[in-house]
């Protein structure tokens, strides 16, 4: 009984070692594939940007609507003015009026 238990444990340990080596091998191959795909994506993006620049830009870009710009400026100033009030230690304090 003891010999078969030792044999079973030995087979289990060897199997785990082989599985670990297989996982490491596949992980290294997967990392290489991801790096290759990122390099390919980088080159394709560079080609697309170069093509856009050489062909004269993005074409006609619509000008900013002055009413939308005024509303955006009003919202930004309102958000900055009514932000959370904190003391120098970072604690929230009640707004003094």
C-alpha atoms as a PDB file:
ATOM      1  CA  UNK A   1       0.000   0.000   0.000  1.00  0.00           C
ATOM      2  CA  UNK A   2       2.820   2.408   0.838  1.00  0.00           C
ATOM      3  CA  UNK A   3       4.607   1.833  -2.466  1.00  0.00           C
ATOM      4  CA  UNK A   4       1.536   2.622  -4.517  1.00  0.00           C
ATOM      5  CA  UNK A   5       0.908   5.800  -2.502  1.00  0.00           C
ATOM      6  CA  UNK A   6       4.516   6.910  -3.064  1.00  0.00           C
ATOM      7  CA  UNK A   7       4.201   6.100  -6.767  1.00  0.00           C
ATOM      8  CA  UNK A   8       0.943   8.036  -6.987  1.00  0.00           C
ATOM      9  CA  UNK A   9       2.488  11.077  -5.288  1.00  0.00           C
ATOM     10  CA  UNK A  10       5.560  10.866  -7.535  1.00  0.00           C
ATOM     11  CA  UNK A  11       3.425  10.795 -10.661  1.00  0.00           C
ATOM     12  CA  UNK A  12       1.393  13.724  -9.336  1.00  0.00           C
ATOM     13  CA  UNK A  13       4.518  15.818  -8.614  1.00  0.00           C
ATOM     14  CA  UNK A  14       6.051  15.040 -12.013  1.00  0.00           C
ATOM     15  CA  UNK A  15       2.748  15.876 -13.710  1.00  0.00           C
ATOM     16  CA  UNK A  16       2.562  19.211 -11.882  1.00  0.00           C
ATOM     17  CA  UNK A  17       6.125  20.012 -12.962  1.00  0.00           C
ATOM     18  CA  UNK A  18       5.353  19.237 -16.591  1.00  0.00           C
ATOM     19  CA  UNK A  19       2.175  21.339 -16.365  1.00  0.00           C
ATOM     20  CA  UNK A  20       4.147  24.254 -14.882  1.00  0.00           C
ATOM     21  CA  UNK A  21       6.707  24.055 -17.701  1.00  0.00           C
ATOM     22  CA  UNK A  22       3.923  23.957 -20.289  1.00  0.00           C
ATOM     23  CA  UNK A  23       2.262  27.014 -18.738  1.00  0.00           C
ATOM     24  CA  UNK A  24       5.564  28.921 -18.730  1.00  0.00           C
ATOM     25  CA  UNK A  25       6.186  28.012 -22.359  1.00  0.00           C
ATOM     26  CA  UNK A  26       2.700  29.097 -23.443  1.00  0.00           C
ATOM     27  CA  UNK A  27       2.951  32.317 -21.430  1.00  0.00           C
ATOM     28  CA  UNK A  28       6.233  33.220 -23.109  1.00  0.00           C
ATOM     29  CA  UNK A  29       4.741  32.541 -26.533  1.00  0.00           C
ATOM     30  CA  UNK A  30       1.650  34.553 -25.666  1.00  0.00           C
ATOM     31  CA  UNK A  31       3.739  37.510 -24.510  1.00  0.00           C
ATOM     32  CA  UNK A  32       5.668  37.441 -27.767  1.00  0.00           C
ATOM     33  CA  UNK A  33       2.438  37.387 -29.737  1.00  0.00           C
ATOM     34  CA  UNK A  34       1.020  40.345 -27.812  1.00  0.00           C
ATOM     35  CA  UNK A  35       4.232  42.320 -28.352  1.00  0.00           C
ATOM     36  CA  UNK A  36       4.135  41.516 -32.073  1.00  0.00           C
ATOM     37  CA  UNK A  37       0.509  42.640 -32.331  1.00  0.00           C
ATOM     38  CA  UNK A  38       1.257  45.919 -30.524  1.00  0.00           C
ATOM     39  CA  UNK A  39       4.184  46.616 -32.865  1.00  0.00           C
ATOM     40  CA  UNK A  40       1.956  45.928 -35.856  1.00  0.00           C
ATOM     41  CA  UNK A  41      -0.753  48.210 -34.462  1.00  0.00           C
ATOM     42  CA  UNK A  42       1.835  50.916 -33.817  1.00  0.00           C
ATOM     43  CA  UNK A  43       3.094  50.785 -37.394  1.00  0.00           C
ATOM     44  CA  UNK A  44      -0.441  50.860 -38.806  1.00  0.00           C
ATOM     45  CA  UNK A  45      -1.331  53.878 -36.655  1.00  0.00           C
ATOM     46  CA  UNK A  46       1.847  55.652 -37.744  1.00  0.00           C
ATOM     47  CA  UNK A  47       1.010  54.999 -41.402  1.00  0.00           C
ATOM     48  CA  UNK A  48      -2.542  56.287 -40.932  1.00  0.00           C
ATOM     49  CA  UNK A  49      -1.371  59.464 -39.181  1.00  0.00           C
ATOM     50  CA  UNK A  50       1.263  60.076 -41.862  1.00  0.00           C
ATOM     51  CA  UNK A  51      -1.334  59.615 -44.590  1.00  0.00           C
ATOM     52  CA  UNK A  52      -3.729  62.079 -42.940  1.00  0.00           C
ATOM     53  CA  UNK A  53      -0.990  64.688 -42.514  1.00  0.00           C
ATOM     54  CA  UNK A  54       0.284  64.296 -46.078  1.00  0.00           C
ATOM     55  CA  UNK A  55      -3.185  64.540 -47.595  1.00  0.00           C
ATOM     56  CA  UNK A  56      -3.831  67.904 -46.028  1.00  0.00           C
ATOM     57  CA  UNK A  57      -5.191  67.259 -42.576  1.00  0.00           C
ATOM     58  CA  UNK A  58      -8.664  66.413 -41.474  1.00  0.00           C
ATOM     59  CA  UNK A  59     -10.476  68.557 -43.994  1.00  0.00           C
ATOM     60  CA  UNK A  60     -13.030  71.064 -42.908  1.00  0.00           C
ATOM     61  CA  UNK A  61     -13.318  71.265 -39.148  1.00  0.00           C
ATOM     62  CA  UNK A  62     -16.417  73.007 -37.925  1.00  0.00           C
ATOM     63  CA  UNK A  63     -15.819  76.169 -35.921  1.00  0.00           C
ATOM     64  CA  UNK A  64     -16.878  76.297 -32.272  1.00  0.00           C
ATOM     65  CA  UNK A  65     -20.371  77.666 -31.759  1.00  0.00           C
ATOM     66  CA  UNK A  66     -20.044  80.843 -29.639  1.00  0.00           C
ATOM     67  CA  UNK A  67     -23.204  80.081 -27.669  1.00  0.00           C
ATOM     68  CA  UNK A  68     -21.935  76.602 -26.803  1.00  0.00           C
ATOM     69  CA  UNK A  69     -18.570  78.070 -25.801  1.00  0.00           C
ATOM     70  CA  UNK A  70     -20.281  80.606 -23.514  1.00  0.00           C
ATOM     71  CA  UNK A  71     -22.409  77.884 -21.881  1.00  0.00           C
ATOM     72  CA  UNK A  72     -19.330  75.683 -21.395  1.00  0.00           C
ATOM     73  CA  UNK A  73     -17.408  78.575 -19.829  1.00  0.00           C
ATOM     74  CA  UNK A  74     -20.329  79.328 -17.512  1.00  0.00           C
ATOM     75  CA  UNK A  75     -20.557  75.684 -16.404  1.00  0.00           C
ATOM     76  CA  UNK A  76     -16.811  75.428 -15.812  1.00  0.00           C
ATOM     77  CA  UNK A  77     -16.739  78.602 -13.734  1.00  0.00           C
ATOM     78  CA  UNK A  78     -19.782  77.446 -11.748  1.00  0.00           C
ATOM     79  CA  UNK A  79     -18.177  74.053 -11.048  1.00  0.00           C
ATOM     80  CA  UNK A  80     -14.933  75.698  -9.913  1.00  0.00           C
ATOM     81  CA  UNK A  81     -16.724  78.227  -7.697  1.00  0.00           C
ATOM     82  CA  UNK A  82     -19.011  75.724  -5.983  1.00  0.00           C
ATOM     83  CA  UNK A  83     -16.573  72.892  -5.442  1.00  0.00           C
ATOM     84  CA  UNK A  84     -16.298  71.117  -2.113  1.00  0.00           C
ATOM     85  CA  UNK A  85     -14.947  73.393   0.593  1.00  0.00           C
ATOM     86  CA  UNK A  86     -11.954  71.978   2.465  1.00  0.00           C
ATOM     87  CA  UNK A  87      -9.626  73.282   5.105  1.00  0.00           C
ATOM     88  CA  UNK A  88      -5.814  73.088   4.661  1.00  0.00           C
ATOM     89  CA  UNK A  89      -5.741  69.589   6.184  1.00  0.00           C
ATOM     90  CA  UNK A  90      -8.142  68.317   3.530  1.00  0.00           C
ATOM     91  CA  UNK A  91     -11.189  67.951   5.758  1.00  0.00           C
ATOM     92  CA  UNK A  92     -14.573  69.073   4.451  1.00  0.00           C
ATOM     93  CA  UNK A  93     -15.933  72.202   6.111  1.00  0.00           C
ATOM     94  CA  UNK A  94     -19.278  73.969   5.960  1.00  0.00           C
ATOM     95  CA  UNK A  95     -19.558  76.777   3.464  1.00  0.00           C
ATOM     96  CA  UNK A  96     -19.384  80.176   5.139  1.00  0.00           C
ATOM     97  CA  UNK A  97     -21.623  82.789   3.573  1.00  0.00           C
END
